[in-house]
């Protein structure tokens, strides 16, 4: 997940070869958002077609940049955690570290 987040934060579209666990679902979501291409196999010709497509269609980069911009504006996970804790009446953000 960190690679997906980092690529999107940088506005870089992805060609994804999912291998295990949640990677296939994440790859499909990135593809649905138009910020990448999910490959169903790792054959060289499949990868080459994906690279050519991504380089020839500007919307992949535009969509990745737009998503990255949204992510950058949304703040950090720590900020989200503090916000959630404050909404349930816990002002001390170090509370979760003590549990």
PDB file of N, CA and C in Angstrom:
ATOM      1  N   UNK A   1       0.817  -1.193   0.000  1.00  0.00           N
ATOM      2  CA  UNK A   1       0.000   0.000   0.000  1.00  0.00           C
ATOM      3  C   UNK A   1       0.860   1.256   0.000  1.00  0.00           C
ATOM      4  N   UNK A   2       2.020   1.208   0.658  1.00  0.00           N
ATOM      5  CA  UNK A   2       2.878   2.395   0.692  1.00  0.00           C
ATOM      6  C   UNK A   2       3.339   2.795  -0.700  1.00  0.00           C
ATOM      7  N   UNK A   3       3.642   1.830  -1.550  1.00  0.00           N
ATOM      8  CA  UNK A   3       4.083   2.148  -2.905  1.00  0.00           C
ATOM      9  C   UNK A   3       2.973   2.853  -3.677  1.00  0.00           C
ATOM     10  N   UNK A   4       1.748   2.374  -3.537  1.00  0.00           N
ATOM     11  CA  UNK A   4       0.622   3.038  -4.201  1.00  0.00           C
ATOM     12  C   UNK A   4       0.476   4.461  -3.707  1.00  0.00           C
ATOM     13  N   UNK A   5       0.482   4.621  -2.402  1.00  0.00           N
ATOM     14  CA  UNK A   5       0.326   5.962  -1.819  1.00  0.00           C
ATOM     15  C   UNK A   5       1.447   6.880  -2.279  1.00  0.00           C
ATOM     16  N   UNK A   6       2.676   6.399  -2.204  1.00  0.00           N
ATOM     17  CA  UNK A   6       3.819   7.231  -2.577  1.00  0.00           C
ATOM     18  C   UNK A   6       3.765   7.630  -4.049  1.00  0.00           C
ATOM     19  N   UNK A   7       3.397   6.700  -4.912  1.00  0.00           N
ATOM     20  CA  UNK A   7       3.293   7.016  -6.341  1.00  0.00           C
ATOM     21  C   UNK A   7       2.211   8.049  -6.596  1.00  0.00           C
ATOM     22  N   UNK A   8       1.063   7.868  -5.953  1.00  0.00           N
ATOM     23  CA  UNK A   8      -0.024   8.824  -6.144  1.00  0.00           C
ATOM     24  C   UNK A   8       0.317  10.184  -5.556  1.00  0.00           C
ATOM     25  N   UNK A   9       0.946  10.204  -4.388  1.00  0.00           N
ATOM     26  CA  UNK A   9       1.362  11.483  -3.803  1.00  0.00           C
ATOM     27  C   UNK A   9       2.293  12.236  -4.741  1.00  0.00           C
ATOM     28  N   UNK A  10       3.130  11.493  -5.458  1.00  0.00           N
ATOM     29  CA  UNK A  10       4.070  12.106  -6.398  1.00  0.00           C
ATOM     30  C   UNK A  10       3.419  12.393  -7.754  1.00  0.00           C
ATOM     31  N   UNK A  11       2.179  11.969  -7.939  1.00  0.00           N
ATOM     32  CA  UNK A  11       1.494  12.194  -9.209  1.00  0.00           C
ATOM     33  C   UNK A  11       2.005  11.317 -10.331  1.00  0.00           C
ATOM     34  N   UNK A  12       2.492  10.141  -9.981  1.00  0.00           N
ATOM     35  CA  UNK A  12       3.077   9.235 -10.967  1.00  0.00           C
ATOM     36  C   UNK A  12       2.113   8.076 -11.236  1.00  0.00           C
ATOM     37  N   UNK A  13       1.667   7.919 -12.484  1.00  0.00           N
ATOM     38  CA  UNK A  13       0.795   6.787 -12.801  1.00  0.00           C
ATOM     39  C   UNK A  13       1.569   5.475 -12.696  1.00  0.00           C
ATOM     40  N   UNK A  14       0.832   4.378 -12.505  1.00  0.00           N
ATOM     41  CA  UNK A  14       1.485   3.094 -12.242  1.00  0.00           C
ATOM     42  C   UNK A  14       1.058   2.012 -13.220  1.00  0.00           C
ATOM     43  N   UNK A  15       1.990   1.122 -13.485  1.00  0.00           N
ATOM     44  CA  UNK A  15       1.686  -0.145 -14.135  1.00  0.00           C
ATOM     45  C   UNK A  15       1.897  -1.176 -13.037  1.00  0.00           C
ATOM     46  N   UNK A  16       0.813  -1.864 -12.680  1.00  0.00           N
ATOM     47  CA  UNK A  16       0.829  -2.710 -11.490  1.00  0.00           C
ATOM     48  C   UNK A  16       0.685  -4.176 -11.876  1.00  0.00           C
ATOM     49  N   UNK A  17       1.580  -4.992 -11.337  1.00  0.00           N
ATOM     50  CA  UNK A  17       1.518  -6.446 -11.494  1.00  0.00           C
ATOM     51  C   UNK A  17       1.186  -7.030 -10.119  1.00  0.00           C
ATOM     52  N   UNK A  18      -0.099  -7.156  -9.780  1.00  0.00           N
ATOM     53  CA  UNK A  18      -0.458  -7.635  -8.445  1.00  0.00           C
ATOM     54  C   UNK A  18       0.000  -9.070  -8.224  1.00  0.00           C
ATOM     55  N   UNK A  19       0.462  -9.333  -7.012  1.00  0.00           N
ATOM     56  CA  UNK A  19       0.986 -10.652  -6.675  1.00  0.00           C
ATOM     57  C   UNK A  19       0.187 -11.363  -5.585  1.00  0.00           C
ATOM     58  N   UNK A  20      -0.182 -10.656  -4.527  1.00  0.00           N
ATOM     59  CA  UNK A  20      -0.795 -11.350  -3.393  1.00  0.00           C
ATOM     60  C   UNK A  20      -1.672 -10.412  -2.586  1.00  0.00           C
ATOM     61  N   UNK A  21      -2.438 -11.020  -1.697  1.00  0.00           N
ATOM     62  CA  UNK A  21      -3.260 -10.335  -0.699  1.00  0.00           C
ATOM     63  C   UNK A  21      -4.140  -9.267  -1.324  1.00  0.00           C
ATOM     64  N   UNK A  22      -4.008  -8.034  -0.873  1.00  0.00           N
ATOM     65  CA  UNK A  22      -4.894  -6.959  -1.319  1.00  0.00           C
ATOM     66  C   UNK A  22      -4.408  -6.271  -2.592  1.00  0.00           C
ATOM     67  N   UNK A  23      -3.297  -6.716  -3.150  1.00  0.00           N
ATOM     68  CA  UNK A  23      -2.717  -6.023  -4.299  1.00  0.00           C
ATOM     69  C   UNK A  23      -3.646  -6.004  -5.512  1.00  0.00           C
ATOM     70  N   UNK A  24      -4.360  -7.093  -5.744  1.00  0.00           N
ATOM     71  CA  UNK A  24      -5.241  -7.134  -6.913  1.00  0.00           C
ATOM     72  C   UNK A  24      -6.371  -6.116  -6.785  1.00  0.00           C
ATOM     73  N   UNK A  25      -6.979  -6.042  -5.623  1.00  0.00           N
ATOM     74  CA  UNK A  25      -8.044  -5.060  -5.402  1.00  0.00           C
ATOM     75  C   UNK A  25      -7.543  -3.638  -5.513  1.00  0.00           C
ATOM     76  N   UNK A  26      -6.372  -3.383  -4.932  1.00  0.00           N
ATOM     77  CA  UNK A  26      -5.788  -2.038  -5.012  1.00  0.00           C
ATOM     78  C   UNK A  26      -5.449  -1.680  -6.454  1.00  0.00           C
ATOM     79  N   UNK A  27      -4.909  -2.644  -7.193  1.00  0.00           N
ATOM     80  CA  UNK A  27      -4.561  -2.404  -8.598  1.00  0.00           C
ATOM     81  C   UNK A  27      -5.813  -2.070  -9.410  1.00  0.00           C
ATOM     82  N   UNK A  28      -6.894  -2.789  -9.160  1.00  0.00           N
ATOM     83  CA  UNK A  28      -8.145  -2.521  -9.882  1.00  0.00           C
ATOM     84  C   UNK A  28      -8.679  -1.131  -9.554  1.00  0.00           C
ATOM     85  N   UNK A  29      -8.561  -0.728  -8.297  1.00  0.00           N
ATOM     86  CA  UNK A  29      -9.043   0.607  -7.912  1.00  0.00           C
ATOM     87  C   UNK A  29      -8.240   1.707  -8.603  1.00  0.00           C
ATOM     88  N   UNK A  30      -6.925   1.536  -8.643  1.00  0.00           N
ATOM     89  CA  UNK A  30      -6.076   2.523  -9.318  1.00  0.00           C
ATOM     90  C   UNK A  30      -6.445   2.586 -10.798  1.00  0.00           C
ATOM     91  N   UNK A  31      -6.679   1.434 -11.397  1.00  0.00           N
ATOM     92  CA  UNK A  31      -7.063   1.391 -12.809  1.00  0.00           C
ATOM     93  C   UNK A  31      -8.427   2.056 -13.016  1.00  0.00           C
ATOM     94  N   UNK A  32      -9.390   1.773 -12.132  1.00  0.00           N
ATOM     95  CA  UNK A  32     -10.720   2.387 -12.243  1.00  0.00           C
ATOM     96  C   UNK A  32     -10.646   3.908 -12.132  1.00  0.00           C
ATOM     97  N   UNK A  33      -9.693   4.401 -11.346  1.00  0.00           N
ATOM     98  CA  UNK A  33      -9.508   5.843 -11.186  1.00  0.00           C
ATOM     99  C   UNK A  33      -8.749   6.462 -12.358  1.00  0.00           C
ATOM    100  N   UNK A  34      -8.262   5.617 -13.267  1.00  0.00           N
ATOM    101  CA  UNK A  34      -7.544   6.116 -14.433  1.00  0.00           C
ATOM    102  C   UNK A  34      -6.130   6.568 -14.133  1.00  0.00           C
ATOM    103  N   UNK A  35      -5.580   6.092 -13.007  1.00  0.00           N
ATOM    104  CA  UNK A  35      -4.233   6.495 -12.605  1.00  0.00           C
ATOM    105  C   UNK A  35      -3.219   5.382 -12.803  1.00  0.00           C
ATOM    106  N   UNK A  36      -3.622   4.325 -13.486  1.00  0.00           N
ATOM    107  CA  UNK A  36      -2.695   3.234 -13.700  1.00  0.00           C
ATOM    108  C   UNK A  36      -3.321   2.120 -14.510  1.00  0.00           C
ATOM    109  N   UNK A  37      -2.498   1.119 -14.774  1.00  0.00           N
ATOM    110  CA  UNK A  37      -2.924  -0.054 -15.525  1.00  0.00           C
ATOM    111  C   UNK A  37      -2.578  -1.281 -14.696  1.00  0.00           C
ATOM    112  N   UNK A  38      -3.578  -2.126 -14.460  1.00  0.00           N
ATOM    113  CA  UNK A  38      -3.360  -3.381 -13.743  1.00  0.00           C
ATOM    114  C   UNK A  38      -3.146  -4.485 -14.776  1.00  0.00           C
ATOM    115  N   UNK A  39      -2.052  -5.203 -14.645  1.00  0.00           N
ATOM    116  CA  UNK A  39      -1.749  -6.278 -15.583  1.00  0.00           C
ATOM    117  C   UNK A  39      -2.269  -7.605 -15.050  1.00  0.00           C
ATOM    118  N   UNK A  40      -2.811  -8.415 -15.945  1.00  0.00           N
ATOM    119  CA  UNK A  40      -3.295  -9.734 -15.543  1.00  0.00           C
ATOM    120  C   UNK A  40      -2.204 -10.790 -15.659  1.00  0.00           C
ATOM    121  N   UNK A  41      -1.128 -10.449 -16.346  1.00  0.00           N
ATOM    122  CA  UNK A  41       0.019 -11.363 -16.447  1.00  0.00           C
ATOM    123  C   UNK A  41       1.287 -10.523 -16.573  1.00  0.00           C
ATOM    124  N   UNK A  42       2.423 -11.170 -16.438  1.00  0.00           N
ATOM    125  CA  UNK A  42       3.684 -10.423 -16.482  1.00  0.00           C
ATOM    126  C   UNK A  42       4.524 -10.763 -17.712  1.00  0.00           C
ATOM    127  N   UNK A  43       3.854 -11.079 -18.796  1.00  0.00           N
ATOM    128  CA  UNK A  43       4.576 -11.345 -20.042  1.00  0.00           C
ATOM    129  C   UNK A  43       5.163 -10.045 -20.583  1.00  0.00           C
ATOM    130  N   UNK A  44       6.350 -10.098 -21.158  1.00  0.00           N
ATOM    131  CA  UNK A  44       7.004  -8.888 -21.665  1.00  0.00           C
ATOM    132  C   UNK A  44       6.141  -8.089 -22.642  1.00  0.00           C
ATOM    133  N   UNK A  45       5.437  -8.770 -23.543  1.00  0.00           N
ATOM    134  CA  UNK A  45       4.627  -8.042 -24.523  1.00  0.00           C
ATOM    135  C   UNK A  45       3.450  -7.323 -23.855  1.00  0.00           C
ATOM    136  N   UNK A  46       2.919  -7.900 -22.787  1.00  0.00           N
ATOM    137  CA  UNK A  46       1.826  -7.250 -22.053  1.00  0.00           C
ATOM    138  C   UNK A  46       2.340  -5.991 -21.370  1.00  0.00           C
ATOM    139  N   UNK A  47       3.492  -6.099 -20.752  1.00  0.00           N
ATOM    140  CA  UNK A  47       4.100  -4.945 -20.089  1.00  0.00           C
ATOM    141  C   UNK A  47       4.434  -3.859 -21.116  1.00  0.00           C
ATOM    142  N   UNK A  48       4.991  -4.256 -22.252  1.00  0.00           N
ATOM    143  CA  UNK A  48       5.361  -3.289 -23.284  1.00  0.00           C
ATOM    144  C   UNK A  48       4.131  -2.541 -23.805  1.00  0.00           C
ATOM    145  N   UNK A  49       3.024  -3.251 -24.027  1.00  0.00           N
ATOM    146  CA  UNK A  49       1.785  -2.593 -24.473  1.00  0.00           C
ATOM    147  C   UNK A  49       1.302  -1.590 -23.428  1.00  0.00           C
ATOM    148  N   UNK A  50       1.387  -1.970 -22.155  1.00  0.00           N
ATOM    149  CA  UNK A  50       0.946  -1.070 -21.081  1.00  0.00           C
ATOM    150  C   UNK A  50       1.817   0.178 -21.026  1.00  0.00           C
ATOM    151  N   UNK A  51       3.113   0.017 -21.186  1.00  0.00           N
ATOM    152  CA  UNK A  51       4.029   1.169 -21.166  1.00  0.00           C
ATOM    153  C   UNK A  51       3.704   2.108 -22.324  1.00  0.00           C
ATOM    154  N   UNK A  52       3.545   1.554 -23.520  1.00  0.00           N
ATOM    155  CA  UNK A  52       3.219   2.396 -24.685  1.00  0.00           C
ATOM    156  C   UNK A  52       1.889   3.119 -24.495  1.00  0.00           C
ATOM    157  N   UNK A  53       0.907   2.413 -23.951  1.00  0.00           N
ATOM    158  CA  UNK A  53      -0.396   3.031 -23.717  1.00  0.00           C
ATOM    159  C   UNK A  53      -0.280   4.167 -22.707  1.00  0.00           C
ATOM    160  N   UNK A  54       0.410   3.908 -21.615  1.00  0.00           N
ATOM    161  CA  UNK A  54       0.531   4.926 -20.574  1.00  0.00           C
ATOM    162  C   UNK A  54       1.271   6.161 -21.087  1.00  0.00           C
ATOM    163  N   UNK A  55       2.291   5.961 -21.897  1.00  0.00           N
ATOM    164  CA  UNK A  55       3.047   7.096 -22.430  1.00  0.00           C
ATOM    165  C   UNK A  55       2.267   7.879 -23.484  1.00  0.00           C
ATOM    166  N   UNK A  56       1.301   7.233 -24.123  1.00  0.00           N
ATOM    167  CA  UNK A  56       0.564   7.908 -25.193  1.00  0.00           C
ATOM    168  C   UNK A  56      -0.762   8.524 -24.732  1.00  0.00           C
ATOM    169  N   UNK A  57      -1.198   8.210 -23.522  1.00  0.00           N
ATOM    170  CA  UNK A  57      -2.482   8.725 -23.026  1.00  0.00           C
ATOM    171  C   UNK A  57      -2.215   9.639 -21.830  1.00  0.00           C
ATOM    172  N   UNK A  58      -2.295  10.954 -22.034  1.00  0.00           N
ATOM    173  CA  UNK A  58      -1.976  11.912 -20.972  1.00  0.00           C
ATOM    174  C   UNK A  58      -2.861  11.805 -19.734  1.00  0.00           C
ATOM    175  N   UNK A  59      -4.053  11.263 -19.877  1.00  0.00           N
ATOM    176  CA  UNK A  59      -4.968  11.235 -18.728  1.00  0.00           C
ATOM    177  C   UNK A  59      -4.437  10.385 -17.574  1.00  0.00           C
ATOM    178  N   UNK A  60      -3.576   9.411 -17.835  1.00  0.00           N
ATOM    179  CA  UNK A  60      -3.008   8.625 -16.727  1.00  0.00           C
ATOM    180  C   UNK A  60      -2.229   9.536 -15.780  1.00  0.00           C
ATOM    181  N   UNK A  61      -1.352  10.350 -16.343  1.00  0.00           N
ATOM    182  CA  UNK A  61      -0.565  11.270 -15.510  1.00  0.00           C
ATOM    183  C   UNK A  61      -1.464  12.334 -14.886  1.00  0.00           C
ATOM    184  N   UNK A  62      -2.396  12.852 -15.653  1.00  0.00           N
ATOM    185  CA  UNK A  62      -3.309  13.881 -15.128  1.00  0.00           C
ATOM    186  C   UNK A  62      -4.125  13.347 -13.957  1.00  0.00           C
ATOM    187  N   UNK A  63      -4.651  12.135 -14.094  1.00  0.00           N
ATOM    188  CA  UNK A  63      -5.443  11.543 -13.015  1.00  0.00           C
ATOM    189  C   UNK A  63      -4.589  11.253 -11.788  1.00  0.00           C
ATOM    190  N   UNK A  64      -3.391  10.724 -11.999  1.00  0.00           N
ATOM    191  CA  UNK A  64      -2.501  10.451 -10.865  1.00  0.00           C
ATOM    192  C   UNK A  64      -2.150  11.750 -10.148  1.00  0.00           C
ATOM    193  N   UNK A  65      -1.889  12.804 -10.911  1.00  0.00           N
ATOM    194  CA  UNK A  65      -1.567  14.102 -10.310  1.00  0.00           C
ATOM    195  C   UNK A  65      -2.750  14.632  -9.506  1.00  0.00           C
ATOM    196  N   UNK A  66      -3.943  14.526 -10.074  1.00  0.00           N
ATOM    197  CA  UNK A  66      -5.146  15.010  -9.397  1.00  0.00           C
ATOM    198  C   UNK A  66      -5.395  14.255  -8.091  1.00  0.00           C
ATOM    199  N   UNK A  67      -5.239  12.951  -8.122  1.00  0.00           N
ATOM    200  CA  UNK A  67      -5.410  12.150  -6.904  1.00  0.00           C
ATOM    201  C   UNK A  67      -4.348  12.526  -5.883  1.00  0.00           C
ATOM    202  N   UNK A  68      -3.114  12.689  -6.336  1.00  0.00           N
ATOM    203  CA  UNK A  68      -2.032  13.088  -5.433  1.00  0.00           C
ATOM    204  C   UNK A  68      -2.302  14.427  -4.782  1.00  0.00           C
ATOM    205  N   UNK A  69      -2.832  15.354  -5.559  1.00  0.00           N
ATOM    206  CA  UNK A  69      -3.169  16.673  -5.025  1.00  0.00           C
ATOM    207  C   UNK A  69      -4.229  16.549  -3.927  1.00  0.00           C
ATOM    208  N   UNK A  70      -5.220  15.729  -4.159  1.00  0.00           N
ATOM    209  CA  UNK A  70      -6.266  15.497  -3.158  1.00  0.00           C
ATOM    210  C   UNK A  70      -5.677  14.871  -1.902  1.00  0.00           C
ATOM    211  N   UNK A  71      -4.802  13.885  -2.069  1.00  0.00           N
ATOM    212  CA  UNK A  71      -4.172  13.238  -0.914  1.00  0.00           C
ATOM    213  C   UNK A  71      -3.318  14.222  -0.125  1.00  0.00           C
ATOM    214  N   UNK A  72      -2.574  15.071  -0.826  1.00  0.00           N
ATOM    215  CA  UNK A  72      -1.723  16.042  -0.128  1.00  0.00           C
ATOM    216  C   UNK A  72      -2.553  17.026   0.684  1.00  0.00           C
ATOM    217  N   UNK A  73      -3.709  17.399   0.173  1.00  0.00           N
ATOM    218  CA  UNK A  73      -4.580  18.340   0.883  1.00  0.00           C
ATOM    219  C   UNK A  73      -5.287  17.696   2.069  1.00  0.00           C
ATOM    220  N   UNK A  74      -5.413  16.378   2.054  1.00  0.00           N
ATOM    221  CA  UNK A  74      -6.198  15.699   3.089  1.00  0.00           C
ATOM    222  C   UNK A  74      -5.450  15.539   4.405  1.00  0.00           C
ATOM    223  N   UNK A  75      -4.154  15.753   4.433  1.00  0.00           N
ATOM    224  CA  UNK A  75      -3.407  15.650   5.680  1.00  0.00           C
ATOM    225  C   UNK A  75      -2.845  14.256   5.907  1.00  0.00           C
ATOM    226  N   UNK A  76      -2.263  14.081   7.084  1.00  0.00           N
ATOM    227  CA  UNK A  76      -1.579  12.833   7.406  1.00  0.00           C
ATOM    228  C   UNK A  76      -2.487  11.882   8.173  1.00  0.00           C
ATOM    229  N   UNK A  77      -2.056  10.653   8.267  1.00  0.00           N
ATOM    230  CA  UNK A  77      -2.767   9.656   9.059  1.00  0.00           C
ATOM    231  C   UNK A  77      -2.805  10.091  10.520  1.00  0.00           C
ATOM    232  N   UNK A  78      -1.703  10.667  10.990  1.00  0.00           N
ATOM    233  CA  UNK A  78      -1.645  11.134  12.376  1.00  0.00           C
ATOM    234  C   UNK A  78      -2.685  12.224  12.625  1.00  0.00           C
ATOM    235  N   UNK A  79      -2.829  13.134  11.665  1.00  0.00           N
ATOM    236  CA  UNK A  79      -3.845  14.185  11.800  1.00  0.00           C
ATOM    237  C   UNK A  79      -5.240  13.581  11.844  1.00  0.00           C
ATOM    238  N   UNK A  80      -5.482  12.595  11.011  1.00  0.00           N
ATOM    239  CA  UNK A  80      -6.788  11.927  11.008  1.00  0.00           C
ATOM    240  C   UNK A  80      -7.037  11.241  12.345  1.00  0.00           C
ATOM    241  N   UNK A  81      -6.012  10.588  12.879  1.00  0.00           N
ATOM    242  CA  UNK A  81      -6.137   9.930  14.182  1.00  0.00           C
ATOM    243  C   UNK A  81      -6.452  10.913  15.290  1.00  0.00           C
ATOM    244  N   UNK A  82      -5.754  12.039  15.297  1.00  0.00           N
ATOM    245  CA  UNK A  82      -6.023  13.068  16.314  1.00  0.00           C
ATOM    246  C   UNK A  82      -7.442  13.607  16.180  1.00  0.00           C
ATOM    247  N   UNK A  83      -7.882  13.798  14.944  1.00  0.00           N
ATOM    248  CA  UNK A  83      -9.236  14.299  14.716  1.00  0.00           C
ATOM    249  C   UNK A  83     -10.265  13.307  15.255  1.00  0.00           C
ATOM    250  N   UNK A  84     -10.081  12.021  14.958  1.00  0.00           N
ATOM    251  CA  UNK A  84     -11.010  10.990  15.439  1.00  0.00           C
ATOM    252  C   UNK A  84     -11.022  10.953  16.959  1.00  0.00           C
ATOM    253  N   UNK A  85      -9.837  10.953  17.585  1.00  0.00           N
ATOM    254  CA  UNK A  85      -9.768  10.935  19.049  1.00  0.00           C
ATOM    255  C   UNK A  85     -10.455  12.147  19.650  1.00  0.00           C
ATOM    256  N   UNK A  86     -10.274  13.308  19.036  1.00  0.00           N
ATOM    257  CA  UNK A  86     -10.912  14.511  19.581  1.00  0.00           C
ATOM    258  C   UNK A  86     -12.435  14.418  19.482  1.00  0.00           C
ATOM    259  N   UNK A  87     -12.943  13.749  18.458  1.00  0.00           N
ATOM    260  CA  UNK A  87     -14.393  13.620  18.286  1.00  0.00           C
ATOM    261  C   UNK A  87     -15.011  12.663  19.303  1.00  0.00           C
ATOM    262  N   UNK A  88     -14.215  11.761  19.838  1.00  0.00           N
ATOM    263  CA  UNK A  88     -14.751  10.853  20.860  1.00  0.00           C
ATOM    264  C   UNK A  88     -14.345  11.305  22.258  1.00  0.00           C
ATOM    265  N   UNK A  89     -13.862  12.545  22.330  1.00  0.00           N
ATOM    266  CA  UNK A  89     -13.592  13.150  23.628  1.00  0.00           C
ATOM    267  C   UNK A  89     -12.227  12.874  24.216  1.00  0.00           C
ATOM    268  N   UNK A  90     -11.289  12.453  23.410  1.00  0.00           N
ATOM    269  CA  UNK A  90      -9.927  12.201  23.897  1.00  0.00           C
ATOM    270  C   UNK A  90      -9.020  13.226  23.241  1.00  0.00           C
ATOM    271  N   UNK A  91      -8.608  14.213  24.007  1.00  0.00           N
ATOM    272  CA  UNK A  91      -7.786  15.299  23.458  1.00  0.00           C
ATOM    273  C   UNK A  91      -6.309  14.938  23.405  1.00  0.00           C
ATOM    274  N   UNK A  92      -5.876  14.019  24.255  1.00  0.00           N
ATOM    275  CA  UNK A  92      -4.462  13.651  24.325  1.00  0.00           C
ATOM    276  C   UNK A  92      -4.163  12.602  23.258  1.00  0.00           C
ATOM    277  N   UNK A  93      -3.465  13.004  22.200  1.00  0.00           N
ATOM    278  CA  UNK A  93      -3.173  12.094  21.090  1.00  0.00           C
ATOM    279  C   UNK A  93      -2.275  10.944  21.496  1.00  0.00           C
ATOM    280  N   UNK A  94      -1.566  11.062  22.602  1.00  0.00           N
ATOM    281  CA  UNK A  94      -0.699   9.962  23.036  1.00  0.00           C
ATOM    282  C   UNK A  94      -1.509   8.863  23.712  1.00  0.00           C
ATOM    283  N   UNK A  95      -2.833   9.061  23.847  1.00  0.00           N
ATOM    284  CA  UNK A  95      -3.708   8.078  24.478  1.00  0.00           C
ATOM    285  C   UNK A  95      -3.552   6.714  23.828  1.00  0.00           C
ATOM    286  N   UNK A  96      -3.573   6.664  22.511  1.00  0.00           N
ATOM    287  CA  UNK A  96      -3.517   5.383  21.807  1.00  0.00           C
ATOM    288  C   UNK A  96      -2.200   4.661  22.042  1.00  0.00           C
ATOM    289  N   UNK A  97      -1.143   5.390  22.322  1.00  0.00           N
ATOM    290  CA  UNK A  97       0.149   4.761  22.586  1.00  0.00           C
ATOM    291  C   UNK A  97       0.157   4.059  23.938  1.00  0.00           C
ATOM    292  N   UNK A  98      -0.702   4.502  24.859  1.00  0.00           N
ATOM    293  CA  UNK A  98      -0.732   3.904  26.197  1.00  0.00           C
ATOM    294  C   UNK A  98      -1.586   2.651  26.241  1.00  0.00           C
ATOM    295  N   UNK A  99      -2.411   2.438  25.254  1.00  0.00           N
ATOM    296  CA  UNK A  99      -3.344   1.303  25.269  1.00  0.00           C
ATOM    297  C   UNK A  99      -2.669   0.028  24.841  1.00  0.00           C
TER     298      UNK A  99
END
